[in-house]
C-alpha atoms as a PDB file:
ATOM      1  CA  MET A   1      71.395  34.178 196.752  1.00  0.00           C
ATOM      2  CA  SER A   2      71.840  35.409 193.120  1.00  0.00           C
ATOM      3  CA  PHE A   3      68.767  36.296 190.737  1.00  0.00           C
ATOM      4  CA  ARG A   4      70.758  34.376 188.042  1.00  0.00           C
ATOM      5  CA  HIS A   5      68.972  30.948 187.254  1.00  0.00           C
ATOM      6  CA  HIS A   6      71.346  28.943 189.280  1.00  0.00           C
ATOM      7  CA  ASP A   7      70.533  26.652 192.074  1.00  0.00           C
ATOM      8  CA  PRO A   8      71.251  25.095 194.990  1.00  0.00           C
ATOM      9  CA  SER A   9      71.650  23.926 198.465  1.00  0.00           C
ATOM     10  CA  PHE A  10      74.054  25.160 201.284  1.00  0.00           C
ATOM     11  CA  ARG A  11      74.403  25.435 204.598  1.00  0.00           C
ATOM     12  CA  ALA A  12      77.678  24.286 206.372  1.00  0.00           C
ATOM     13  CA  CYS A  13      78.810  22.703 209.810  1.00  0.00           C
ATOM     14  CA  GLY A  14      77.997  20.506 212.611  1.00  0.00           C
ATOM     15  CA  TYR A  15      79.690  19.348 215.554  1.00  0.00           C
ATOM     16  CA  ALA A  16      77.269  17.085 217.454  1.00  0.00           C
ATOM     17  CA  LEU A  17      79.696  15.913 220.375  1.00  0.00           C
ATOM     18  CA  LEU A  18      80.747  19.522 221.426  1.00  0.00           C
ATOM     19  CA  LEU A  19      76.818  20.526 221.412  1.00  0.00           C
ATOM     20  CA  VAL A  20      74.784  17.306 222.095  1.00  0.00           C
ATOM     21  CA  LEU A  21      77.334  17.391 225.511  1.00  0.00           C
ATOM     22  CA  GLY A  22      76.860  20.813 225.849  1.00  0.00           C
ATOM     23  CA  VAL A  23      72.963  19.530 225.867  1.00  0.00           C
ATOM     24  CA  VAL A  24      73.081  16.271 227.452  1.00  0.00           C
ATOM     25  CA  TRP A  25      76.053  16.192 230.153  1.00  0.00           C
ATOM     26  CA  GLY A  26      76.650  20.327 230.234  1.00  0.00           C
ATOM     27  CA  SER A  27      76.457  20.387 233.664  1.00  0.00           C
ATOM     28  CA  ALA A  28      78.823  17.461 234.791  1.00  0.00           C
ATOM     29  CA  TRP A  29      81.441  19.321 231.855  1.00  0.00           C
ATOM     30  CA  ALA A  30      80.930  22.468 233.470  1.00  0.00           C
ATOM     31  CA  GLN A  31      81.499  21.045 236.755  1.00  0.00           C
ATOM     32  CA  SER A  32      84.402  19.478 235.989  1.00  0.00           C
ATOM     33  CA  SER A  33      85.929  22.475 234.024  1.00  0.00           C
ATOM     34  CA  ASN A  34      88.890  24.650 234.436  1.00  0.00           C
ATOM     35  CA  PRO A  35      88.065  28.105 233.298  1.00  0.00           C
ATOM     36  CA  THR A  36      91.193  29.681 234.857  1.00  0.00           C
ATOM     37  CA  ALA A  37      93.360  27.355 232.812  1.00  0.00           C
ATOM     38  CA  ALA A  38      92.333  29.665 229.071  1.00  0.00           C
ATOM     39  CA  GLN A  39      94.461  32.294 227.855  1.00  0.00           C
ATOM     40  CA  PRO A  40      92.960  35.557 226.104  1.00  0.00           C
ATOM     41  CA  SER A  41      93.190  34.219 222.029  1.00  0.00           C
ATOM     42  CA  THR A  42      95.563  36.582 220.014  1.00  0.00           C
ATOM     43  CA  ALA A  43      93.250  35.670 216.735  1.00  0.00           C
ATOM     44  CA  THR A  44      91.425  38.389 214.807  1.00  0.00           C
ATOM     45  CA  ALA A  45      88.451  39.871 216.797  1.00  0.00           C
ATOM     46  CA  SER A  46      85.438  37.998 215.997  1.00  0.00           C
ATOM     47  CA  PRO A  47      81.515  39.873 215.750  1.00  0.00           C
ATOM     48  CA  SER A  48      79.900  40.063 219.336  1.00  0.00           C
ATOM     49  CA  PRO A  49      77.418  37.733 220.058  1.00  0.00           C
ATOM     50  CA  GLU A  50      74.541  40.545 219.682  1.00  0.00           C
ATOM     51  CA  ALA A  51      75.967  40.984 216.090  1.00  0.00           C
ATOM     52  CA  VAL A  52      76.214  37.679 215.307  1.00  0.00           C
ATOM     53  CA  ALA A  53      72.500  37.152 216.183  1.00  0.00           C
ATOM     54  CA  LEU A  54      71.263  40.414 214.654  1.00  0.00           C
ATOM     55  CA  VAL A  55      72.974  39.923 210.997  1.00  0.00           C
ATOM     56  CA  MET A  56      71.759  36.007 210.733  1.00  0.00           C
ATOM     57  CA  ALA A  57      68.233  36.944 211.682  1.00  0.00           C
ATOM     58  CA  GLN A  58      68.605  39.127 208.657  1.00  0.00           C
ATOM     59  CA  LEU A  59      70.025  36.625 206.486  1.00  0.00           C
ATOM     60  CA  ASP A  60      66.719  34.132 208.067  1.00  0.00           C
ATOM     61  CA  LYS A  61      64.948  36.939 206.896  1.00  0.00           C
ATOM     62  CA  LEU A  62      66.152  37.657 203.608  1.00  0.00           C
ATOM     63  CA  THR A  63      65.996  33.356 202.950  1.00  0.00           C
ATOM     64  CA  THR A  64      62.470  33.290 203.937  1.00  0.00           C
ATOM     65  CA  ALA A  65      61.368  36.190 201.510  1.00  0.00           C
ATOM     66  CA  PHE A  66      63.379  34.840 198.926  1.00  0.00           C
ATOM     67  CA  ASN A  67      61.326  31.405 199.128  1.00  0.00           C
ATOM     68  CA  SER A  68      58.209  33.008 199.088  1.00  0.00           C
ATOM     69  CA  GLY A  69      59.174  35.140 196.243  1.00  0.00           C
ATOM     70  CA  ASN A  70      58.449  38.526 198.271  1.00  0.00           C
ATOM     71  CA  VAL A  71      60.065  41.166 196.340  1.00  0.00           C
ATOM     72  CA  SER A  72      59.547  44.079 198.061  1.00  0.00           C
ATOM     73  CA  GLY A  73      60.729  41.666 201.529  1.00  0.00           C
ATOM     74  CA  VAL A  74      63.517  41.270 199.525  1.00  0.00           C
ATOM     75  CA  SER A  75      64.889  44.646 198.339  1.00  0.00           C
ATOM     76  CA  GLY A  76      64.204  45.697 201.485  1.00  0.00           C
ATOM     77  CA  LEU A  77      67.041  44.091 203.349  1.00  0.00           C
ATOM     78  CA  PHE A  78      69.366  46.179 200.931  1.00  0.00           C
ATOM     79  CA  HIS A  79      70.762  49.026 202.143  1.00  0.00           C
ATOM     80  CA  PRO A  80      69.083  51.773 200.058  1.00  0.00           C
ATOM     81  CA  GLU A  81      72.116  52.296 197.941  1.00  0.00           C
ATOM     82  CA  GLY A  82      73.375  48.802 198.169  1.00  0.00           C
ATOM     83  CA  GLU A  83      74.526  46.514 195.596  1.00  0.00           C
ATOM     84  CA  LEU A  84      74.119  43.114 194.017  1.00  0.00           C
ATOM     85  CA  ILE A  85      76.554  42.001 191.824  1.00  0.00           C
ATOM     86  CA  ASP A  86      75.907  38.946 190.446  1.00  0.00           C
ATOM     87  CA  GLU A  87      77.968  35.959 189.025  1.00  0.00           C
ATOM     88  CA  ALA A  88      78.935  37.476 185.369  1.00  0.00           C
ATOM     89  CA  GLY A  89      80.068  40.542 187.360  1.00  0.00           C
ATOM     90  CA  THR A  90      76.779  42.742 186.719  1.00  0.00           C
ATOM     91  CA  ILE A  91      76.141  45.270 189.204  1.00  0.00           C
ATOM     92  CA  TYR A  92      72.488  46.258 190.301  1.00  0.00           C
ATOM     93  CA  GLN A  93      72.510  49.114 192.186  1.00  0.00           C
ATOM     94  CA  GLY A  94      69.479  50.303 195.224  1.00  0.00           C
ATOM     95  CA  ARG A  95      66.823  49.225 195.823  1.00  0.00           C
ATOM     96  CA  ALA A  96      65.060  49.783 193.090  1.00  0.00           C
ATOM     97  CA  GLU A  97      67.159  47.843 190.627  1.00  0.00           C
ATOM     98  CA  ILE A  98      67.420  45.374 192.919  1.00  0.00           C
ATOM     99  CA  GLU A  99      63.641  44.933 192.912  1.00  0.00           C
ATOM    100  CA  THR A 100      63.247  45.098 189.567  1.00  0.00           C
ATOM    101  CA  LEU A 101      65.680  42.255 188.951  1.00  0.00           C
ATOM    102  CA  ALA A 102      63.860  40.088 191.774  1.00  0.00           C
ATOM    103  CA  GLN A 103      60.875  40.640 190.348  1.00  0.00           C
ATOM    104  CA  ALA A 104      61.672  39.182 187.155  1.00  0.00           C
ATOM    105  CA  PHE A 105      63.336  36.247 188.675  1.00  0.00           C
ATOM    106  CA  PHE A 106      60.615  35.540 190.870  1.00  0.00           C
ATOM    107  CA  ALA A 107      58.382  35.591 187.783  1.00  0.00           C
ATOM    108  CA  LYS A 108      60.823  33.441 185.823  1.00  0.00           C
ATOM    109  CA  TYR A 109      61.149  30.993 188.530  1.00  0.00           C
ATOM    110  CA  PRO A 110      58.332  30.383 190.927  1.00  0.00           C
ATOM    111  CA  GLY A 111      58.606  28.355 193.733  1.00  0.00           C
ATOM    112  CA  VAL A 112      62.031  28.791 193.744  1.00  0.00           C
ATOM    113  CA  GLN A 113      63.682  27.496 197.288  1.00  0.00           C
ATOM    114  CA  MET A 114      67.404  28.756 198.132  1.00  0.00           C
ATOM    115  CA  VAL A 115      69.434  27.601 201.554  1.00  0.00           C
ATOM    116  CA  ALA A 116      72.567  29.904 202.470  1.00  0.00           C
ATOM    117  CA  GLN A 117      75.064  28.408 204.921  1.00  0.00           C
ATOM    118  CA  VAL A 118      77.477  30.716 206.482  1.00  0.00           C
ATOM    119  CA  ASP A 119      80.659  29.882 206.823  1.00  0.00           C
ATOM    120  CA  SER A 120      82.437  32.839 208.191  1.00  0.00           C
ATOM    121  CA  LEU A 121      81.598  36.196 209.965  1.00  0.00           C
ATOM    122  CA  ARG A 122      84.447  38.824 210.608  1.00  0.00           C
ATOM    123  CA  PRO A 123      84.085  42.672 211.457  1.00  0.00           C
ATOM    124  CA  ILE A 124      85.901  45.217 209.336  1.00  0.00           C
ATOM    125  CA  GLY A 125      85.113  48.728 211.184  1.00  0.00           C
ATOM    126  CA  PRO A 126      81.658  49.420 211.100  1.00  0.00           C
ATOM    127  CA  VAL A 127      80.901  46.434 209.117  1.00  0.00           C
ATOM    128  CA  VAL A 128      80.101  42.437 209.209  1.00  0.00           C
ATOM    129  CA  VAL A 129      81.733  40.587 206.849  1.00  0.00           C
ATOM    130  CA  MET A 130      79.692  37.250 205.694  1.00  0.00           C
ATOM    131  CA  GLU A 131      81.302  34.533 203.388  1.00  0.00           C
ATOM    132  CA  GLY A 132      79.508  31.759 203.025  1.00  0.00           C
ATOM    133  CA  THR A 133      77.367  29.160 200.229  1.00  0.00           C
ATOM    134  CA  ARG A 134      73.977  29.303 199.051  1.00  0.00           C
ATOM    135  CA  GLY A 135      71.938  27.314 197.181  1.00  0.00           C
ATOM    136  CA  VAL A 136      68.665  27.690 194.587  1.00  0.00           C
ATOM    137  CA  THR A 137      66.702  24.697 194.026  1.00  0.00           C
ATOM    138  CA  THR A 138      64.146  24.891 190.966  1.00  0.00           C
ATOM    139  CA  GLN A 139      60.606  24.252 192.118  1.00  0.00           C
ATOM    140  CA  ASP A 140      60.638  20.561 190.512  1.00  0.00           C
ATOM    141  CA  GLY A 141      64.093  19.830 192.118  1.00  0.00           C
ATOM    142  CA  LYS A 142      65.713  19.063 188.727  1.00  0.00           C
ATOM    143  CA  GLU A 143      67.975  22.152 188.844  1.00  0.00           C
ATOM    144  CA  VAL A 144      70.132  22.831 191.787  1.00  0.00           C
ATOM    145  CA  ALA A 145      73.953  24.487 192.246  1.00  0.00           C
ATOM    146  CA  LEU A 146      76.017  25.772 194.911  1.00  0.00           C
ATOM    147  CA  ILE A 147      77.631  28.549 194.519  1.00  0.00           C
ATOM    148  CA  ARG A 148      79.883  31.002 197.110  1.00  0.00           C
ATOM    149  CA  PHE A 149      78.965  34.706 197.998  1.00  0.00           C
ATOM    150  CA  SER A 150      80.087  37.563 200.219  1.00  0.00           C
ATOM    151  CA  ALA A 151      77.859  39.684 201.805  1.00  0.00           C
ATOM    152  CA  VAL A 152      78.672  42.819 203.725  1.00  0.00           C
ATOM    153  CA  TRP A 153      76.475  43.984 206.280  1.00  0.00           C
ATOM    154  CA  SER A 154      76.261  47.848 207.708  1.00  0.00           C
ATOM    155  CA  ARG A 155      74.184  48.452 211.340  1.00  0.00           C
ATOM    156  CA  GLY A 156      71.847  50.902 211.077  1.00  0.00           C
ATOM    157  CA  GLU A 157      68.732  52.527 212.650  1.00  0.00           C
ATOM    158  CA  ASN A 158      66.809  49.752 211.379  1.00  0.00           C
ATOM    159  CA  GLY A 159      68.781  47.285 212.236  1.00  0.00           C
ATOM    160  CA  TYR A 160      71.863  45.514 209.820  1.00  0.00           C
ATOM    161  CA  GLN A 161      70.860  46.208 206.358  1.00  0.00           C
ATOM    162  CA  LEU A 162      72.713  44.900 203.190  1.00  0.00           C
ATOM    163  CA  VAL A 163      75.309  46.994 201.550  1.00  0.00           C
ATOM    164  CA  SER A 164      77.005  44.569 199.093  1.00  0.00           C
ATOM    165  CA  LEU A 165      75.675  41.188 198.001  1.00  0.00           C
ATOM    166  CA  ARG A 166      78.276  39.217 195.587  1.00  0.00           C
ATOM    167  CA  ASP A 167      78.055  35.701 194.047  1.00  0.00           C
ATOM    168  CA  PHE A 168      81.098  34.571 191.986  1.00  0.00           C
ATOM    169  CA  ALA A 169      81.075  32.330 188.954  1.00  0.00           C
ATOM    170  CA  ASP A 170      82.806  29.595 190.113  1.00  0.00           C
ATOM    171  CA  GLN A 171      80.768  26.419 191.933  1.00  0.00           C
ATOM    172  CA  LEU A 172      82.176  24.161 194.955  1.00  0.00           C
ATOM    173  CA  SER A 173      82.925  20.860 194.283  1.00  0.00           C
ATOM    174  CA  LEU A 174      84.187  19.458 197.573  1.00  0.00           C
ATOM    175  CA  GLY A 175      85.142  15.988 198.278  1.00  0.00           C
ATOM    176  CA  PRO A 176      84.627  15.021 201.351  1.00  0.00           C
ATOM    177  CA  LYS A 177      88.076  14.814 203.193  1.00  0.00           C
ATOM    178  CA  ASP A 178      88.884  18.270 201.680  1.00  0.00           C
ATOM    179  CA  ALA A 179      85.660  19.654 203.073  1.00  0.00           C
ATOM    180  CA  LEU A 180      86.887  18.362 206.340  1.00  0.00           C
ATOM    181  CA  GLN A 181      90.000  19.361 206.451  1.00  0.00           C
ATOM    182  CA  PRO A 182      89.033  22.480 208.834  1.00  0.00           C
ATOM    183  CA  LEU A 183      89.208  20.101 211.373  1.00  0.00           C
ATOM    184  CA  ALA A 184      91.738  17.686 210.556  1.00  0.00           C
ATOM    185  CA  TRP A 185      93.004  19.475 213.912  1.00  0.00           C
ATOM    186  CA  LEU A 186      90.935  17.168 216.250  1.00  0.00           C
ATOM    187  CA  ILE A 187      92.179  13.929 215.185  1.00  0.00           C
ATOM    188  CA  GLY A 188      93.549  12.361 218.404  1.00  0.00           C
ATOM    189  CA  ASP A 189      92.988  12.025 221.861  1.00  0.00           C
ATOM    190  CA  TRP A 190      91.513  14.842 223.748  1.00  0.00           C
ATOM    191  CA  VAL A 191      90.758  15.204 227.866  1.00  0.00           C
ATOM    192  CA  ASN A 192      89.098  16.994 230.424  1.00  0.00           C
ATOM    193  CA  GLU A 193      89.097  16.428 234.315  1.00  0.00           C
ATOM    194  CA  GLY A 194      88.088  17.115 236.963  1.00  0.00           C
ATOM    195  CA  SER A 195      86.464  16.297 240.892  1.00  0.00           C
ATOM    196  CA  ASP A 196      83.174  15.723 239.005  1.00  0.00           C
ATOM    197  CA  ALA A 197      83.695  14.246 235.971  1.00  0.00           C
ATOM    198  CA  HIS A 198      86.280  12.753 233.886  1.00  0.00           C
ATOM    199  CA  VAL A 199      86.264  12.931 229.817  1.00  0.00           C
ATOM    200  CA  LYS A 200      88.221  10.959 227.133  1.00  0.00           C
ATOM    201  CA  ILE A 201      87.663  11.747 223.609  1.00  0.00           C
ATOM    202  CA  SER A 202      89.206  10.391 220.451  1.00  0.00           C
ATOM    203  CA  TYR A 203      89.097  11.496 217.032  1.00  0.00           C
ATOM    204  CA  ARG A 204      90.606   9.468 213.814  1.00  0.00           C
ATOM    205  CA  TRP A 205      89.824   9.364 210.077  1.00  0.00           C
ATOM    206  CA  SER A 206      87.616   6.459 208.908  1.00  0.00           C
ATOM    207  CA  PRO A 207      89.071   4.021 206.684  1.00  0.00           C
ATOM    208  CA  ASP A 208      88.176   5.771 203.285  1.00  0.00           C
ATOM    209  CA  GLY A 209      88.991   8.982 204.640  1.00  0.00           C
ATOM    210  CA  ASN A 210      85.823  10.789 204.012  1.00  0.00           C
ATOM    211  CA  PHE A 211      84.858  11.015 207.714  1.00  0.00           C
ATOM    212  CA  ILE A 212      85.938  12.362 211.086  1.00  0.00           C
ATOM    213  CA  LEU A 213      84.886   9.452 213.863  1.00  0.00           C
ATOM    214  CA  GLY A 214      84.605   9.956 217.470  1.00  0.00           C
ATOM    215  CA  ASP A 215      84.127   7.980 220.703  1.00  0.00           C
ATOM    216  CA  ILE A 216      83.289   9.602 223.619  1.00  0.00           C
ATOM    217  CA  GLU A 217      83.332   8.479 227.518  1.00  0.00           C
ATOM    218  CA  VAL A 218      82.391  10.725 230.363  1.00  0.00           C
ATOM    219  CA  HIS A 219      83.108   9.235 233.948  1.00  0.00           C
ATOM    220  CA  LEU A 220      81.038  10.574 236.967  1.00  0.00           C
ATOM    221  CA  ALA A 221      83.287  10.508 240.102  1.00  0.00           C
ATOM    222  CA  ALA A 222      79.852  10.998 242.437  1.00  0.00           C
ATOM    223  CA  ASN A 223      78.749   7.494 241.270  1.00  0.00           C
ATOM    224  CA  LYS A 224      81.221   5.985 239.331  1.00  0.00           C
ATOM    225  CA  ALA A 225      78.840   5.699 236.462  1.00  0.00           C
ATOM    226  CA  LYS A 226      80.694   6.068 232.725  1.00  0.00           C
ATOM    227  CA  ILE A 227      78.635   7.009 229.969  1.00  0.00           C
ATOM    228  CA  SER A 228      79.782   6.111 226.589  1.00  0.00           C
ATOM    229  CA  SER A 229      78.702   7.960 223.181  1.00  0.00           C
ATOM    230  CA  SER A 230      80.068   7.392 219.232  1.00  0.00           C
ATOM    231  CA  GLN A 231      80.116  10.244 216.631  1.00  0.00           C
ATOM    232  CA  ARG A 232      80.928  10.268 213.224  1.00  0.00           C
ATOM    233  CA  ILE A 233      81.418  14.360 211.287  1.00  0.00           C
ATOM    234  CA  GLY A 234      80.573  14.269 207.517  1.00  0.00           C
ATOM    235  CA  TRP A 235      80.247  16.612 204.896  1.00  0.00           C
ATOM    236  CA  ASP A 236      76.726  16.380 203.251  1.00  0.00           C
ATOM    237  CA  PRO A 237      77.209  17.504 199.583  1.00  0.00           C
ATOM    238  CA  ARG A 238      73.418  17.933 198.851  1.00  0.00           C
ATOM    239  CA  LEU A 239      73.392  20.455 201.525  1.00  0.00           C
ATOM    240  CA  GLY A 240      76.531  21.596 201.006  1.00  0.00           C
ATOM    241  CA  LYS A 241      77.308  21.718 204.853  1.00  0.00           C
ATOM    242  CA  ILE A 242      79.388  19.790 207.523  1.00  0.00           C
ATOM    243  CA  ARG A 243      76.823  17.426 209.564  1.00  0.00           C
ATOM    244  CA  SER A 244      77.884  15.299 212.800  1.00  0.00           C
ATOM    245  CA  TRP A 245      75.625  13.157 214.903  1.00  0.00           C
ATOM    246  CA  ILE A 246      76.206  11.422 218.134  1.00  0.00           C
ATOM    247  CA  PHE A 247      74.732   8.257 219.844  1.00  0.00           C
ATOM    248  CA  ASP A 248      74.633   7.582 223.292  1.00  0.00           C
ATOM    249  CA  ALA A 249      74.720   3.764 224.308  1.00  0.00           C
ATOM    250  CA  ASP A 250      71.656   4.532 226.806  1.00  0.00           C
ATOM    251  CA  GLY A 251      69.684   5.447 223.677  1.00  0.00           C
ATOM    252  CA  GLY A 252      69.938   9.421 223.191  1.00  0.00           C
ATOM    253  CA  PHE A 253      71.156  10.957 219.896  1.00  0.00           C
ATOM    254  CA  GLY A 254      71.655  14.325 218.294  1.00  0.00           C
ATOM    255  CA  GLU A 255      73.183  16.518 215.457  1.00  0.00           C
ATOM    256  CA  SER A 256      74.928  19.441 214.902  1.00  0.00           C
ATOM    257  CA  VAL A 257      75.696  22.403 212.445  1.00  0.00           C
ATOM    258  CA  TRP A 258      78.492  24.872 212.789  1.00  0.00           C
ATOM    259  CA  THR A 259      79.569  28.013 211.788  1.00  0.00           C
ATOM    260  CA  SER A 260      83.066  29.497 211.409  1.00  0.00           C
ATOM    261  CA  LEU A 261      83.879  32.632 212.977  1.00  0.00           C
ATOM    262  CA  GLY A 262      87.166  33.226 211.666  1.00  0.00           C
ATOM    263  CA  ASP A 263      88.891  32.628 215.037  1.00  0.00           C
ATOM    264  CA  SER A 264      86.876  30.306 216.745  1.00  0.00           C
ATOM    265  CA  TRP A 265      83.360  27.919 215.657  1.00  0.00           C
ATOM    266  CA  LEU A 266      79.949  28.341 216.437  1.00  0.00           C
ATOM    267  CA  ILE A 267      78.014  25.535 217.411  1.00  0.00           C
ATOM    268  CA  ARG A 268      74.154  24.986 217.160  1.00  0.00           C
ATOM    269  CA  SER A 269      72.727  21.393 218.237  1.00  0.00           C
ATOM    270  CA  THR A 270      69.710  19.408 219.035  1.00  0.00           C
ATOM    271  CA  ALA A 271      68.796  16.370 221.218  1.00  0.00           C
ATOM    272  CA  VAL A 272      67.149  14.153 222.063  1.00  0.00           C
ATOM    273  CA  THR A 273      67.591  12.508 225.757  1.00  0.00           C
ATOM    274  CA  PRO A 274      66.472   8.565 226.459  1.00  0.00           C
ATOM    275  CA  ASP A 275      63.199   9.574 227.892  1.00  0.00           C
ATOM    276  CA  GLY A 276      62.128  11.262 224.800  1.00  0.00           C
ATOM    277  CA  GLN A 277      62.828  15.059 225.823  1.00  0.00           C
ATOM    278  CA  SER A 278      64.341  17.147 223.405  1.00  0.00           C
ATOM    279  CA  GLY A 279      67.008  19.523 224.179  1.00  0.00           C
ATOM    280  CA  MET A 280      68.943  22.181 222.378  1.00  0.00           C
ATOM    281  CA  ALA A 281      72.250  24.782 222.918  1.00  0.00           C
ATOM    282  CA  ARG A 282      74.161  27.331 221.639  1.00  0.00           C
ATOM    283  CA  VAL A 283      78.319  26.113 221.876  1.00  0.00           C
ATOM    284  CA  GLU A 284      81.373  28.367 221.312  1.00  0.00           C
ATOM    285  CA  LEU A 285      84.784  26.798 220.169  1.00  0.00           C
ATOM    286  CA  ILE A 286      87.897  28.649 220.806  1.00  0.00           C
ATOM    287  CA  PRO A 287      90.813  27.031 219.692  1.00  0.00           C
ATOM    288  CA  MET A 288      93.637  28.721 222.694  1.00  0.00           C
ATOM    289  CA  ALA A 289      97.245  26.459 220.940  1.00  0.00           C
ATOM    290  CA  ALA A 290      97.500  23.654 219.296  1.00  0.00           C
ATOM    291  CA  ASP A 291      97.309  21.527 222.565  1.00  0.00           C
ATOM    292  CA  ARG A 292      93.942  23.370 224.174  1.00  0.00           C
ATOM    293  CA  TYR A 293      90.478  24.133 222.937  1.00  0.00           C
ATOM    294  CA  VAL A 294      87.630  26.141 225.043  1.00  0.00           C
ATOM    295  CA  LEU A 295      83.879  25.562 225.126  1.00  0.00           C
ATOM    296  CA  ARG A 296      81.252  28.339 225.875  1.00  0.00           C
ATOM    297  CA  GLY A 297      77.990  26.814 226.629  1.00  0.00           C
ATOM    298  CA  SER A 298      74.583  28.861 226.277  1.00  0.00           C
ATOM    299  CA  ASP A 299      71.289  29.084 225.283  1.00  0.00           C
ATOM    300  CA  ARG A 300      70.999  25.759 226.922  1.00  0.00           C
ATOM    301  CA  MET A 301      67.795  24.078 227.040  1.00  0.00           C
ATOM    302  CA  ILE A 302      66.499  20.381 227.601  1.00  0.00           C
ATOM    303  CA  GLY A 303      62.379  20.132 227.212  1.00  0.00           C
ATOM    304  CA  ASP A 304      61.398  23.410 228.749  1.00  0.00           C
ATOM    305  CA  VAL A 305      64.114  23.757 231.510  1.00  0.00           C
ATOM    306  CA  PRO A 306      66.685  26.191 230.959  1.00  0.00           C
ATOM    307  CA  GLU A 307      70.213  24.972 231.839  1.00  0.00           C
ATOM    308  CA  GLU A 308      73.086  27.078 233.072  1.00  0.00           C
ATOM    309  CA  ASP A 309      75.752  28.136 230.484  1.00  0.00           C
ATOM    310  CA  TYR A 310      79.497  26.849 231.547  1.00  0.00           C
ATOM    311  CA  GLU A 311      82.600  27.187 230.350  1.00  0.00           C
ATOM    312  CA  LEU A 312      85.563  24.677 230.386  1.00  0.00           C
ATOM    313  CA  THR A 313      89.412  23.552 228.825  1.00  0.00           C
ATOM    314  CA  VAL A 314      89.674  20.744 226.808  1.00  0.00           C
ATOM    315  CA  VAL A 315      93.790  19.817 226.215  1.00  0.00           C
ATOM    316  CA  LYS A 316      94.718  16.727 224.024  1.00  0.00           C
ATOM    317  CA  ARG A 317      96.616  13.945 225.815  1.00  0.00           C
ATOM    318  CA  PRO A 318     100.016  12.714 224.850  1.00  0.00           C
ATOM    319  CA  PRO A 319     100.223   9.325 223.112  1.00  0.00           C
ATOM    320  CA  ALA A 320     102.087   7.928 226.026  1.00  0.00           C
ATOM    321  CA  ALA A 321     100.534   9.627 229.495  1.00  0.00           C
ATOM    322  CA  ASP A 322      98.579   8.010 232.133  1.00  0.00           C
ATOM    323  CA  ILE A 323      95.313   9.390 232.146  1.00  0.00           C
ATOM    324  CA  GLY A 324      93.740   8.384 235.265  1.00  0.00           C
ATOM    325  CA  GLY A 325      95.144   5.270 235.885  1.00  0.00           C
ATOM    326  CA  THR A 326      94.286   3.975 232.759  1.00  0.00           C
ATOM    327  CA  LYS A 327      96.438   3.384 229.254  1.00  0.00           C
ATOM    328  CA  ASN A 328      95.414   2.681 226.145  1.00  0.00           C
END
């Protein structure tokens, strides 16, 4: 988001299983969930879903304005007395200075493109603090950089506005395994059981340590059918984000992207069913303890048909446990 000459890529996150299972198999999971097992989280409060949606929409507007070279579109998203602080620590105060800076930048680098990945959102009193990475790429694609940023959004009469936007000079160069450490707690075996479906999930590191590999089995009690899927979670250094892909044995597949909300993860997913329909969903993953997490699915669509919201609890299976009459 900087107007200095650093260029990039960006955007982090992706957890296909949660998203795609929410899209394709959500109804089976919802029926087999045990909502009463979830206990209120004691972690730091997350922004409300409304605040998240509004702030993310403003970030999308900022990105669109930047990528189209729209000077007033960029400056207009700042509070009249807002500030922009570049990597060198130079402060540009108020819309007029920010607009002058943007105009000079776009004149020097026409066609520059930006992407912004949000790593966390947290409320502090009347504002929402956003942290993440942003990337800017020159028109010829030869110069790319990935830089951390912090943004403070304040809600006024005209919606959320940027009070402060700051880039940091240190560039990110995470290795694949380092970038995946926030998901390392997933390693192991997980289960969710109910009268209509039994789900088994197993995660492990790939031999090279650069990916998290997942195997998923869903057993439907009604017709004794079994659905198998494989998943791969990895770090995309070009885009600067964690992405994951899932492939179903029946030919369906999907991709997910996730964002940390402090004490939970917001996961957005798209999928394609075996018969060619498209699917999409929004899933929140909420860790409740070292051995359990809750999934809440919403905004789910398969083709043009909306699907019901759901909530389910997934628990970690002890290594020697006998689950559903089978042993590994």
